[in-house]
Amino acid sequence: MSLAEWASAPQFVIVAIASLLAVVSAMMMVTRRDVVRGALWLVMTLIAVAVLFVTLAADLIAVVQVLVYVGAVVVLFLFVIMLLAAGKEPASLRNAGPGRWASVAVAFGLLCLFVAAGFSGDLPQLQWGQAPTAPPPARPSPTQGDVIASAHPFGSPANVGQALFSAENVLTLEVISILLIAAMVGVMVLAKGLRYDSQAGDTEGEREA
C-alpha cells in the first residue's frame, strides 16, 4: 500500500490529528517551566497515543493506557510534584545549558528519519477496527497461545492477558511491581521527613518569638 493510498483512507484524518497532537503535546511537556503544567501536557500526550491504539484495533491497550497511565501514574506524579516542590520557584530553562539544544536536535533527527522511512517503503494496510493479518507459521501441533489467538481477535483481553502472563513476561511484571512499591515507600519516607522538618521549623519559630 503506497503512501498516497494510505493517506486517502478514512482513518488517516484521525491518525494524523492524533499523531500531531501527541507530538505537539510531548514538545510542550518538555519545554514547560512549571512541572505541573508539564504533567498535564503528558496527560494529553497519553490520550493521543490511546487514540492511535484504537486505530490499530488495540482497544484494550487504549483503555488500559487511559486508566493506568492517565488515571493513576500521572496523578501520582502530580502528587509527588506538589508534595516536594511546594513553595519553590520553577526552575528556568535558560540554565539548562547545551543539553537542551542537543535533545532538540536528536528529536528532530529521529523525526526526519521516521518520515524518510515512511516515504521510502510501503506502509501497512489497515482497516478501521481491524488488525494486520499475517499467515501463521507452520507448526506441528497448535499450542494454547495459538488456540487463544485463533478464537479471539487482535488486541482482545484474552490475547493481551495471555501475552502478559506468559512465562516470558512474568519476571518483567514482577520487576515493575517491585519498582512501584519502592516508589510508594520512597514517597511516604519523603513526606514523613518533610512533615517533621516543618514541625521543627514551627517549633523553633515559636521559641524565638
N, C-alpha and C. Protein backbone atom coordinates (compact mmCIF):
# COMPACT_ATOMS: atom_id res chain seq x y z
N MET A 1 0.85 -1.19 0.00
CA MET A 1 0.00 0.00 0.00
C MET A 1 0.88 1.24 0.00
N SER A 2 0.70 2.08 -1.00
CA SER A 2 1.53 3.27 -1.13
C SER A 2 1.10 4.34 -0.14
N LEU A 3 1.95 5.37 -0.02
CA LEU A 3 1.65 6.45 0.91
C LEU A 3 0.42 7.24 0.47
N ALA A 4 0.25 7.43 -0.85
CA ALA A 4 -0.91 8.17 -1.34
C ALA A 4 -2.21 7.41 -1.06
N GLU A 5 -2.20 6.09 -1.26
CA GLU A 5 -3.39 5.30 -0.98
C GLU A 5 -3.71 5.29 0.51
N TRP A 6 -2.67 5.19 1.33
CA TRP A 6 -2.90 5.19 2.77
C TRP A 6 -3.40 6.54 3.25
N ALA A 7 -2.92 7.63 2.62
CA ALA A 7 -3.37 8.97 3.01
C ALA A 7 -4.82 9.22 2.64
N SER A 8 -5.33 8.51 1.63
CA SER A 8 -6.72 8.68 1.22
C SER A 8 -7.69 7.82 2.03
N ALA A 9 -7.19 7.00 2.93
CA ALA A 9 -8.06 6.15 3.75
C ALA A 9 -8.84 7.01 4.73
N PRO A 10 -10.05 6.56 5.12
CA PRO A 10 -10.87 7.37 6.04
C PRO A 10 -10.22 7.60 7.39
N GLN A 11 -9.50 6.60 7.90
CA GLN A 11 -8.92 6.75 9.23
C GLN A 11 -7.66 7.59 9.24
N PHE A 12 -7.20 8.03 8.06
CA PHE A 12 -5.96 8.81 8.01
C PHE A 12 -6.12 10.13 8.75
N VAL A 13 -7.31 10.74 8.66
CA VAL A 13 -7.53 12.03 9.33
C VAL A 13 -7.40 11.87 10.85
N ILE A 14 -7.98 10.80 11.38
CA ILE A 14 -7.89 10.58 12.83
C ILE A 14 -6.46 10.29 13.24
N VAL A 15 -5.76 9.45 12.45
CA VAL A 15 -4.37 9.13 12.77
C VAL A 15 -3.50 10.38 12.70
N ALA A 16 -3.72 11.21 11.67
CA ALA A 16 -2.91 12.42 11.52
C ALA A 16 -3.14 13.39 12.67
N ILE A 17 -4.41 13.59 13.05
CA ILE A 17 -4.71 14.52 14.14
C ILE A 17 -4.14 14.00 15.46
N ALA A 18 -4.33 12.70 15.73
CA ALA A 18 -3.81 12.14 16.98
C ALA A 18 -2.29 12.18 17.02
N SER A 19 -1.65 11.89 15.89
CA SER A 19 -0.18 11.93 15.85
C SER A 19 0.34 13.34 16.06
N LEU A 20 -0.28 14.31 15.38
CA LEU A 20 0.15 15.70 15.55
C LEU A 20 -0.07 16.17 16.98
N LEU A 21 -1.20 15.78 17.56
CA LEU A 21 -1.48 16.17 18.94
C LEU A 21 -0.48 15.54 19.90
N ALA A 22 -0.11 14.29 19.65
CA ALA A 22 0.87 13.62 20.52
C ALA A 22 2.23 14.30 20.43
N VAL A 23 2.67 14.65 19.22
CA VAL A 23 3.98 15.29 19.05
C VAL A 23 3.99 16.68 19.68
N VAL A 24 2.94 17.47 19.41
CA VAL A 24 2.89 18.82 19.97
C VAL A 24 2.81 18.78 21.49
N SER A 25 2.00 17.87 22.02
CA SER A 25 1.87 17.77 23.48
C SER A 25 3.18 17.33 24.12
N ALA A 26 3.89 16.42 23.46
CA ALA A 26 5.18 15.99 24.00
C ALA A 26 6.19 17.14 24.00
N MET A 27 6.19 17.94 22.93
CA MET A 27 7.09 19.09 22.89
C MET A 27 6.73 20.12 23.96
N MET A 28 5.42 20.36 24.15
CA MET A 28 5.00 21.28 25.20
C MET A 28 5.36 20.75 26.58
N MET A 29 5.31 19.43 26.74
CA MET A 29 5.61 18.84 28.04
C MET A 29 7.06 19.08 28.44
N VAL A 30 7.99 18.90 27.50
CA VAL A 30 9.41 19.01 27.84
C VAL A 30 9.91 20.45 27.82
N THR A 31 9.09 21.40 27.38
CA THR A 31 9.53 22.79 27.32
C THR A 31 8.85 23.67 28.36
N ARG A 32 7.99 23.12 29.19
CA ARG A 32 7.32 23.93 30.22
C ARG A 32 8.23 24.16 31.41
N ARG A 33 8.19 25.36 31.95
CA ARG A 33 8.96 25.66 33.16
C ARG A 33 8.29 25.07 34.40
N ASP A 34 6.98 25.09 34.41
CA ASP A 34 6.24 24.55 35.54
C ASP A 34 6.04 23.05 35.33
N VAL A 35 6.49 22.25 36.28
CA VAL A 35 6.40 20.80 36.13
C VAL A 35 4.96 20.33 36.19
N VAL A 36 4.09 21.06 36.87
CA VAL A 36 2.68 20.66 36.93
C VAL A 36 2.05 20.80 35.55
N ARG A 37 2.33 21.89 34.88
CA ARG A 37 1.82 22.04 33.51
C ARG A 37 2.43 21.01 32.58
N GLY A 38 3.70 20.68 32.80
CA GLY A 38 4.30 19.61 32.00
C GLY A 38 3.60 18.28 32.20
N ALA A 39 3.20 17.98 33.43
CA ALA A 39 2.47 16.74 33.69
C ALA A 39 1.10 16.75 33.02
N LEU A 40 0.45 17.90 32.97
CA LEU A 40 -0.84 17.99 32.29
C LEU A 40 -0.69 17.79 30.78
N TRP A 41 0.39 18.31 30.21
CA TRP A 41 0.65 18.04 28.80
C TRP A 41 0.97 16.57 28.57
N LEU A 42 1.57 15.92 29.56
CA LEU A 42 1.80 14.48 29.46
C LEU A 42 0.48 13.73 29.39
N VAL A 43 -0.52 14.19 30.12
CA VAL A 43 -1.85 13.57 30.03
C VAL A 43 -2.39 13.66 28.60
N MET A 44 -2.25 14.83 27.99
CA MET A 44 -2.71 14.99 26.61
C MET A 44 -1.95 14.07 25.66
N THR A 45 -0.66 13.91 25.88
CA THR A 45 0.13 13.01 25.04
C THR A 45 -0.34 11.57 25.16
N LEU A 46 -0.60 11.12 26.38
CA LEU A 46 -1.05 9.75 26.59
C LEU A 46 -2.43 9.51 25.99
N ILE A 47 -3.30 10.49 26.06
CA ILE A 47 -4.63 10.33 25.45
C ILE A 47 -4.52 10.23 23.94
N ALA A 48 -3.65 11.03 23.33
CA ALA A 48 -3.45 10.94 21.88
C ALA A 48 -2.88 9.59 21.48
N VAL A 49 -1.96 9.06 22.27
CA VAL A 49 -1.42 7.73 21.99
C VAL A 49 -2.50 6.66 22.13
N ALA A 50 -3.41 6.83 23.09
CA ALA A 50 -4.52 5.89 23.24
C ALA A 50 -5.42 5.89 22.01
N VAL A 51 -5.63 7.06 21.42
CA VAL A 51 -6.41 7.12 20.18
C VAL A 51 -5.71 6.36 19.06
N LEU A 52 -4.39 6.46 19.00
CA LEU A 52 -3.64 5.70 17.99
C LEU A 52 -3.78 4.19 18.23
N PHE A 53 -3.82 3.77 19.48
CA PHE A 53 -4.04 2.35 19.77
C PHE A 53 -5.41 1.90 19.28
N VAL A 54 -6.41 2.77 19.40
CA VAL A 54 -7.75 2.43 18.92
C VAL A 54 -7.75 2.23 17.41
N THR A 55 -7.04 3.09 16.69
CA THR A 55 -6.97 2.93 15.24
C THR A 55 -6.25 1.66 14.82
N LEU A 56 -5.43 1.10 15.70
CA LEU A 56 -4.74 -0.16 15.42
C LEU A 56 -5.51 -1.37 15.94
N ALA A 57 -6.78 -1.16 16.31
CA ALA A 57 -7.65 -2.23 16.79
C ALA A 57 -7.20 -2.79 18.12
N ALA A 58 -6.40 -2.07 18.87
CA ALA A 58 -5.96 -2.49 20.21
C ALA A 58 -6.78 -1.72 21.24
N ASP A 59 -8.07 -2.03 21.31
CA ASP A 59 -8.97 -1.28 22.18
C ASP A 59 -8.62 -1.46 23.65
N LEU A 60 -8.29 -2.68 24.04
CA LEU A 60 -7.97 -2.93 25.45
C LEU A 60 -6.73 -2.16 25.87
N ILE A 61 -5.71 -2.14 25.02
CA ILE A 61 -4.49 -1.40 25.35
C ILE A 61 -4.79 0.10 25.47
N ALA A 62 -5.69 0.61 24.62
CA ALA A 62 -6.06 2.02 24.71
C ALA A 62 -6.76 2.33 26.03
N VAL A 63 -7.66 1.45 26.45
CA VAL A 63 -8.37 1.66 27.72
C VAL A 63 -7.40 1.59 28.89
N VAL A 64 -6.50 0.60 28.86
CA VAL A 64 -5.50 0.48 29.93
C VAL A 64 -4.58 1.69 29.94
N GLN A 65 -4.26 2.22 28.77
CA GLN A 65 -3.42 3.41 28.68
C GLN A 65 -4.05 4.57 29.43
N VAL A 66 -5.35 4.76 29.24
CA VAL A 66 -6.03 5.88 29.88
C VAL A 66 -6.22 5.62 31.37
N LEU A 67 -6.66 4.40 31.72
CA LEU A 67 -6.96 4.11 33.13
C LEU A 67 -5.70 4.08 33.99
N VAL A 68 -4.66 3.41 33.50
CA VAL A 68 -3.46 3.21 34.31
C VAL A 68 -2.56 4.43 34.28
N TYR A 69 -2.18 4.87 33.08
CA TYR A 69 -1.20 5.94 32.98
C TYR A 69 -1.82 7.30 33.31
N VAL A 70 -2.96 7.62 32.68
CA VAL A 70 -3.58 8.91 32.94
C VAL A 70 -4.24 8.94 34.31
N GLY A 71 -4.95 7.86 34.65
CA GLY A 71 -5.72 7.87 35.89
C GLY A 71 -4.93 7.56 37.14
N ALA A 72 -3.77 6.94 37.01
CA ALA A 72 -3.02 6.55 38.21
C ALA A 72 -1.61 7.11 38.22
N VAL A 73 -0.84 6.84 37.18
CA VAL A 73 0.57 7.22 37.19
C VAL A 73 0.73 8.74 37.17
N VAL A 74 0.01 9.42 36.29
CA VAL A 74 0.14 10.88 36.21
C VAL A 74 -0.38 11.54 37.48
N VAL A 75 -1.45 11.00 38.05
CA VAL A 75 -1.94 11.53 39.32
C VAL A 75 -0.88 11.37 40.41
N LEU A 76 -0.19 10.23 40.41
CA LEU A 76 0.90 10.04 41.37
C LEU A 76 2.03 11.03 41.13
N PHE A 77 2.36 11.29 39.85
CA PHE A 77 3.37 12.29 39.53
C PHE A 77 2.98 13.65 40.09
N LEU A 78 1.73 14.05 39.85
CA LEU A 78 1.29 15.35 40.34
C LEU A 78 1.33 15.42 41.86
N PHE A 79 0.97 14.33 42.52
CA PHE A 79 1.02 14.31 43.98
C PHE A 79 2.45 14.51 44.48
N VAL A 80 3.39 13.79 43.88
CA VAL A 80 4.79 13.90 44.31
C VAL A 80 5.33 15.29 43.98
N ILE A 81 4.98 15.81 42.80
CA ILE A 81 5.47 17.14 42.41
C ILE A 81 4.97 18.20 43.38
N MET A 82 3.68 18.17 43.68
CA MET A 82 3.13 19.17 44.59
C MET A 82 3.64 18.98 46.01
N LEU A 83 3.98 17.74 46.36
CA LEU A 83 4.47 17.48 47.72
C LEU A 83 5.90 17.98 47.90
N LEU A 84 6.75 17.72 46.92
CA LEU A 84 8.17 18.03 47.06
C LEU A 84 8.51 19.44 46.60
N ALA A 85 7.71 20.01 45.71
CA ALA A 85 8.03 21.33 45.16
C ALA A 85 7.12 22.42 45.73
N ALA A 86 6.53 22.18 46.87
CA ALA A 86 5.65 23.19 47.46
C ALA A 86 6.46 24.40 47.91
N GLY A 87 6.06 25.58 47.43
CA GLY A 87 6.73 26.81 47.82
C GLY A 87 8.01 27.11 47.09
N LYS A 88 8.37 26.30 46.11
CA LYS A 88 9.60 26.53 45.36
C LYS A 88 9.29 27.20 44.04
N GLU A 89 10.20 28.01 43.57
CA GLU A 89 10.05 28.65 42.29
C GLU A 89 10.39 27.68 41.18
N PRO A 90 9.67 27.71 40.05
CA PRO A 90 10.01 26.81 38.95
C PRO A 90 11.37 27.12 38.38
N ALA A 91 12.11 26.08 38.06
CA ALA A 91 13.45 26.26 37.51
C ALA A 91 13.37 26.80 36.09
N SER A 92 14.27 27.71 35.76
CA SER A 92 14.29 28.30 34.43
C SER A 92 15.00 27.40 33.45
N LEU A 93 14.46 27.35 32.23
CA LEU A 93 15.08 26.53 31.19
C LEU A 93 16.30 27.21 30.59
N ARG A 94 16.52 28.47 30.93
CA ARG A 94 17.69 29.14 30.38
C ARG A 94 18.98 28.59 30.97
N ASN A 95 18.90 27.98 32.13
CA ASN A 95 20.08 27.40 32.76
C ASN A 95 20.29 25.94 32.40
N ALA A 96 19.53 25.46 31.40
CA ALA A 96 19.64 24.04 31.04
C ALA A 96 20.94 23.73 30.32
N GLY A 97 21.56 24.74 29.69
CA GLY A 97 22.83 24.51 29.00
C GLY A 97 22.64 23.93 27.61
N PRO A 98 23.74 23.46 27.02
CA PRO A 98 23.66 22.94 25.64
C PRO A 98 22.91 21.62 25.54
N GLY A 99 22.67 20.95 26.65
CA GLY A 99 21.94 19.68 26.58
C GLY A 99 20.54 19.83 26.04
N ARG A 100 19.93 21.00 26.28
CA ARG A 100 18.57 21.23 25.78
C ARG A 100 18.56 21.24 24.26
N TRP A 101 19.50 21.97 23.66
CA TRP A 101 19.53 22.05 22.20
C TRP A 101 19.99 20.74 21.59
N ALA A 102 20.82 19.99 22.30
CA ALA A 102 21.22 18.67 21.79
C ALA A 102 20.03 17.73 21.74
N SER A 103 19.18 17.77 22.77
CA SER A 103 18.00 16.92 22.76
C SER A 103 17.03 17.31 21.66
N VAL A 104 16.90 18.62 21.40
CA VAL A 104 16.04 19.06 20.30
C VAL A 104 16.58 18.58 18.96
N ALA A 105 17.90 18.65 18.78
CA ALA A 105 18.50 18.19 17.52
C ALA A 105 18.31 16.68 17.34
N VAL A 106 18.47 15.92 18.41
CA VAL A 106 18.28 14.46 18.31
C VAL A 106 16.83 14.13 17.99
N ALA A 107 15.89 14.82 18.63
CA ALA A 107 14.47 14.57 18.35
C ALA A 107 14.12 14.93 16.91
N PHE A 108 14.66 16.04 16.41
CA PHE A 108 14.39 16.42 15.02
C PHE A 108 15.00 15.42 14.05
N GLY A 109 16.19 14.92 14.37
CA GLY A 109 16.80 13.91 13.51
C GLY A 109 16.01 12.62 13.46
N LEU A 110 15.48 12.19 14.62
CA LEU A 110 14.65 10.98 14.64
C LEU A 110 13.36 11.19 13.86
N LEU A 111 12.77 12.39 13.97
CA LEU A 111 11.56 12.68 13.21
C LEU A 111 11.83 12.62 11.71
N CYS A 112 12.93 13.21 11.27
CA CYS A 112 13.29 13.14 9.85
C CYS A 112 13.53 11.71 9.40
N LEU A 113 14.14 10.91 10.27
CA LEU A 113 14.40 9.51 9.93
C LEU A 113 13.10 8.74 9.76
N PHE A 114 12.13 8.96 10.65
CA PHE A 114 10.86 8.27 10.55
C PHE A 114 10.09 8.70 9.30
N VAL A 115 10.13 9.99 8.99
CA VAL A 115 9.44 10.48 7.78
C VAL A 115 10.08 9.89 6.53
N ALA A 116 11.41 9.84 6.50
CA ALA A 116 12.10 9.26 5.34
C ALA A 116 11.78 7.78 5.20
N ALA A 117 11.70 7.07 6.33
CA ALA A 117 11.36 5.65 6.26
C ALA A 117 9.94 5.44 5.76
N GLY A 118 9.02 6.34 6.13
CA GLY A 118 7.65 6.22 5.65
C GLY A 118 7.52 6.47 4.17
N PHE A 119 8.31 7.41 3.62
CA PHE A 119 8.23 7.70 2.20
C PHE A 119 8.98 6.68 1.35
N SER A 120 9.98 6.02 1.92
CA SER A 120 10.79 5.10 1.12
C SER A 120 10.20 3.71 1.02
N GLY A 121 9.33 3.32 1.93
CA GLY A 121 8.77 1.97 1.91
C GLY A 121 7.26 2.01 1.90
N ASP A 122 6.67 0.84 1.72
CA ASP A 122 5.23 0.71 1.74
C ASP A 122 4.74 0.69 3.17
N LEU A 123 3.60 1.31 3.39
CA LEU A 123 3.00 1.35 4.71
C LEU A 123 2.01 0.21 4.86
N PRO A 124 1.83 -0.30 6.06
CA PRO A 124 0.90 -1.41 6.23
C PRO A 124 -0.53 -0.98 5.96
N GLN A 125 -1.30 -1.87 5.39
CA GLN A 125 -2.68 -1.58 5.06
C GLN A 125 -3.55 -1.94 6.26
N LEU A 126 -4.20 -0.93 6.80
CA LEU A 126 -5.03 -1.12 7.98
C LEU A 126 -6.45 -0.68 7.67
N GLN A 127 -7.40 -1.44 8.11
CA GLN A 127 -8.79 -1.07 8.03
C GLN A 127 -9.26 -0.68 9.42
N TRP A 128 -10.26 0.20 9.47
CA TRP A 128 -10.73 0.68 10.76
C TRP A 128 -11.27 -0.48 11.58
N GLY A 129 -10.68 -0.65 12.79
CA GLY A 129 -11.14 -1.69 13.68
C GLY A 129 -10.61 -3.07 13.36
N GLN A 130 -9.68 -3.19 12.41
CA GLN A 130 -9.12 -4.47 12.05
C GLN A 130 -7.61 -4.41 12.18
N ALA A 131 -7.02 -5.54 12.47
CA ALA A 131 -5.58 -5.62 12.65
C ALA A 131 -4.94 -6.23 11.42
N PRO A 132 -3.67 -5.94 11.16
CA PRO A 132 -2.99 -6.55 10.03
C PRO A 132 -2.89 -8.05 10.22
N THR A 133 -3.19 -8.76 9.15
CA THR A 133 -3.18 -10.22 9.20
C THR A 133 -1.91 -10.73 8.54
N ALA A 134 -1.40 -11.80 9.06
CA ALA A 134 -0.20 -12.43 8.52
C ALA A 134 -0.40 -13.93 8.56
N PRO A 135 0.14 -14.65 7.61
CA PRO A 135 -0.03 -16.11 7.63
C PRO A 135 0.64 -16.71 8.84
N PRO A 136 -0.05 -17.60 9.54
CA PRO A 136 0.55 -18.20 10.74
C PRO A 136 1.70 -19.11 10.37
N PRO A 137 2.71 -19.18 11.23
CA PRO A 137 3.84 -20.07 10.94
C PRO A 137 3.42 -21.53 11.04
N ALA A 138 4.11 -22.34 10.28
CA ALA A 138 3.81 -23.77 10.27
C ALA A 138 4.28 -24.41 11.56
N ARG A 139 3.37 -25.08 12.25
CA ARG A 139 3.70 -25.75 13.49
C ARG A 139 3.11 -27.16 13.46
N PRO A 140 3.80 -28.08 14.08
CA PRO A 140 3.28 -29.45 14.06
C PRO A 140 1.97 -29.59 14.81
N SER A 141 1.82 -28.90 15.92
CA SER A 141 0.59 -29.01 16.70
C SER A 141 0.31 -27.66 17.34
N PRO A 142 -0.96 -27.24 17.40
CA PRO A 142 -1.28 -25.92 17.98
C PRO A 142 -1.05 -25.90 19.48
N THR A 143 -0.51 -24.78 19.93
CA THR A 143 -0.30 -24.58 21.36
C THR A 143 -1.48 -23.84 21.96
N GLN A 144 -1.42 -23.61 23.27
CA GLN A 144 -2.51 -22.90 23.93
C GLN A 144 -2.60 -21.46 23.44
N GLY A 145 -1.46 -20.84 23.18
CA GLY A 145 -1.49 -19.48 22.65
C GLY A 145 -2.10 -19.41 21.26
N ASP A 146 -1.86 -20.43 20.44
CA ASP A 146 -2.46 -20.46 19.11
C ASP A 146 -3.97 -20.58 19.19
N VAL A 147 -4.45 -21.39 20.12
CA VAL A 147 -5.89 -21.56 20.28
C VAL A 147 -6.54 -20.25 20.72
N ILE A 148 -5.91 -19.55 21.67
CA ILE A 148 -6.45 -18.27 22.13
C ILE A 148 -6.41 -17.24 21.01
N ALA A 149 -5.31 -17.19 20.27
CA ALA A 149 -5.18 -16.20 19.19
C ALA A 149 -6.19 -16.45 18.09
N SER A 150 -6.50 -17.70 17.79
CA SER A 150 -7.46 -18.00 16.74
C SER A 150 -8.89 -17.76 17.19
N ALA A 151 -9.16 -17.89 18.49
CA ALA A 151 -10.52 -17.72 18.99
C ALA A 151 -10.86 -16.27 19.28
N HIS A 152 -9.86 -15.42 19.50
CA HIS A 152 -10.11 -14.03 19.87
C HIS A 152 -9.35 -13.11 18.92
N PRO A 153 -9.91 -11.94 18.61
CA PRO A 153 -9.26 -11.02 17.68
C PRO A 153 -8.05 -10.35 18.30
N PHE A 154 -7.31 -9.64 17.45
CA PHE A 154 -6.11 -8.92 17.89
C PHE A 154 -6.49 -7.84 18.89
N GLY A 155 -5.73 -7.73 19.96
CA GLY A 155 -5.98 -6.71 20.96
C GLY A 155 -7.08 -7.03 21.94
N SER A 156 -7.62 -8.23 21.91
CA SER A 156 -8.69 -8.61 22.83
C SER A 156 -8.11 -8.87 24.22
N PRO A 157 -8.95 -8.83 25.26
CA PRO A 157 -8.43 -9.12 26.61
C PRO A 157 -7.78 -10.48 26.73
N ALA A 158 -8.31 -11.48 26.02
CA ALA A 158 -7.73 -12.82 26.11
C ALA A 158 -6.32 -12.85 25.52
N ASN A 159 -6.14 -12.20 24.37
CA ASN A 159 -4.82 -12.18 23.75
C ASN A 159 -3.82 -11.41 24.60
N VAL A 160 -4.23 -10.23 25.08
CA VAL A 160 -3.31 -9.41 25.88
C VAL A 160 -2.98 -10.10 27.20
N GLY A 161 -3.98 -10.70 27.84
CA GLY A 161 -3.72 -11.40 29.09
C GLY A 161 -2.80 -12.59 28.90
N GLN A 162 -3.00 -13.32 27.80
CA GLN A 162 -2.14 -14.47 27.55
C GLN A 162 -0.70 -14.04 27.30
N ALA A 163 -0.52 -12.87 26.65
CA ALA A 163 0.83 -12.38 26.38
C ALA A 163 1.49 -11.83 27.65
N LEU A 164 0.69 -11.16 28.50
CA LEU A 164 1.27 -10.55 29.70
C LEU A 164 1.67 -11.59 30.73
N PHE A 165 0.83 -12.59 30.91
CA PHE A 165 1.06 -13.55 31.99
C PHE A 165 1.69 -14.84 31.49
N SER A 166 2.31 -14.80 30.34
CA SER A 166 3.04 -15.96 29.86
C SER A 166 4.36 -16.08 30.63
N ALA A 167 5.01 -17.19 30.44
CA ALA A 167 6.26 -17.44 31.18
C ALA A 167 7.35 -16.45 30.80
N GLU A 168 7.28 -15.87 29.60
CA GLU A 168 8.33 -14.95 29.15
C GLU A 168 8.22 -13.59 29.83
N ASN A 169 7.02 -13.18 30.26
CA ASN A 169 6.81 -11.84 30.78
C ASN A 169 6.51 -11.79 32.27
N VAL A 170 6.50 -12.92 32.94
CA VAL A 170 6.20 -12.91 34.37
C VAL A 170 7.27 -12.15 35.15
N LEU A 171 8.54 -12.36 34.82
CA LEU A 171 9.62 -11.66 35.51
C LEU A 171 9.52 -10.15 35.32
N THR A 172 9.16 -9.72 34.11
CA THR A 172 9.02 -8.29 33.84
C THR A 172 7.92 -7.68 34.71
N LEU A 173 6.79 -8.34 34.81
CA LEU A 173 5.70 -7.83 35.64
C LEU A 173 6.10 -7.76 37.11
N GLU A 174 6.83 -8.75 37.58
CA GLU A 174 7.25 -8.73 38.98
C GLU A 174 8.24 -7.60 39.25
N VAL A 175 9.15 -7.35 38.32
CA VAL A 175 10.11 -6.25 38.49
C VAL A 175 9.38 -4.90 38.51
N ILE A 176 8.39 -4.74 37.64
CA ILE A 176 7.63 -3.49 37.62
C ILE A 176 6.88 -3.30 38.93
N SER A 177 6.29 -4.36 39.45
CA SER A 177 5.58 -4.25 40.73
C SER A 177 6.53 -3.86 41.86
N ILE A 178 7.74 -4.42 41.86
CA ILE A 178 8.72 -4.06 42.90
C ILE A 178 9.12 -2.59 42.78
N LEU A 179 9.29 -2.10 41.56
CA LEU A 179 9.64 -0.69 41.37
C LEU A 179 8.53 0.23 41.85
N LEU A 180 7.27 -0.13 41.57
CA LEU A 180 6.15 0.69 42.02
C LEU A 180 6.06 0.71 43.55
N ILE A 181 6.28 -0.44 44.17
CA ILE A 181 6.26 -0.49 45.64
C ILE A 181 7.39 0.36 46.22
N ALA A 182 8.58 0.28 45.62
CA ALA A 182 9.70 1.10 46.09
C ALA A 182 9.40 2.59 45.94
N ALA A 183 8.74 2.97 44.84
CA ALA A 183 8.38 4.37 44.66
C ALA A 183 7.37 4.83 45.71
N MET A 184 6.39 3.98 46.02
CA MET A 184 5.41 4.34 47.05
C MET A 184 6.07 4.50 48.42
N VAL A 185 6.98 3.59 48.76
CA VAL A 185 7.69 3.69 50.04
C VAL A 185 8.54 4.95 50.07
N GLY A 186 9.21 5.28 48.96
CA GLY A 186 10.01 6.49 48.91
C GLY A 186 9.19 7.75 49.11
N VAL A 187 8.00 7.79 48.51
CA VAL A 187 7.12 8.95 48.68
C VAL A 187 6.71 9.09 50.15
N MET A 188 6.37 7.99 50.80
CA MET A 188 5.98 8.06 52.21
C MET A 188 7.13 8.52 53.09
N VAL A 189 8.35 8.05 52.80
CA VAL A 189 9.51 8.47 53.59
C VAL A 189 9.78 9.96 53.40
N LEU A 190 9.71 10.43 52.15
CA LEU A 190 9.94 11.85 51.89
C LEU A 190 8.87 12.71 52.55
N ALA A 191 7.61 12.27 52.45
CA ALA A 191 6.53 13.04 53.06
C ALA A 191 6.69 13.10 54.57
N LYS A 192 7.10 12.00 55.18
CA LYS A 192 7.31 11.98 56.63
C LYS A 192 8.44 12.91 57.04
N GLY A 193 9.54 12.92 56.26
CA GLY A 193 10.65 13.82 56.57
C GLY A 193 10.27 15.27 56.42
N LEU A 194 9.51 15.61 55.38
CA LEU A 194 9.07 16.99 55.20
C LEU A 194 8.15 17.43 56.32
N ARG A 195 7.31 16.53 56.79
CA ARG A 195 6.40 16.89 57.88
C ARG A 195 7.16 17.17 59.16
N TYR A 196 8.16 16.32 59.46
CA TYR A 196 8.97 16.54 60.66
C TYR A 196 9.78 17.83 60.55
N ASP A 197 10.32 18.12 59.36
CA ASP A 197 11.07 19.36 59.18
C ASP A 197 10.18 20.58 59.37
N SER A 198 8.95 20.48 58.86
CA SER A 198 8.02 21.60 59.01
C SER A 198 7.64 21.81 60.47
N GLN A 199 7.40 20.71 61.19
CA GLN A 199 7.07 20.84 62.60
C GLN A 199 8.24 21.40 63.40
N ALA A 200 9.47 20.98 63.07
CA ALA A 200 10.64 21.50 63.77
C ALA A 200 10.82 22.99 63.51
N GLY A 201 10.58 23.42 62.26
CA GLY A 201 10.69 24.84 61.95
C GLY A 201 9.66 25.67 62.68
N ASP A 202 8.43 25.16 62.79
CA ASP A 202 7.40 25.89 63.53
C ASP A 202 7.75 25.99 65.01
N THR A 203 8.32 24.91 65.57
CA THR A 203 8.69 24.93 66.99
C THR A 203 9.80 25.94 67.25
N GLU A 204 10.80 26.00 66.39
CA GLU A 204 11.88 26.98 66.56
C GLU A 204 11.36 28.40 66.41
N GLY A 205 10.42 28.60 65.48
CA GLY A 205 9.85 29.92 65.33
C GLY A 205 9.08 30.37 66.55
N GLU A 206 8.36 29.45 67.19
CA GLU A 206 7.63 29.79 68.40
C GLU A 206 8.58 30.12 69.55
N ARG A 207 9.71 29.38 69.62
CA ARG A 207 10.67 29.65 70.68
C ARG A 207 11.31 31.02 70.51
N GLU A 208 11.65 31.38 69.27
CA GLU A 208 12.26 32.68 69.03
C GLU A 208 11.28 33.81 69.31
N ALA A 209 10.01 33.55 69.03
CA ALA A 209 9.01 34.58 69.30
C ALA A 209 8.79 34.74 70.81
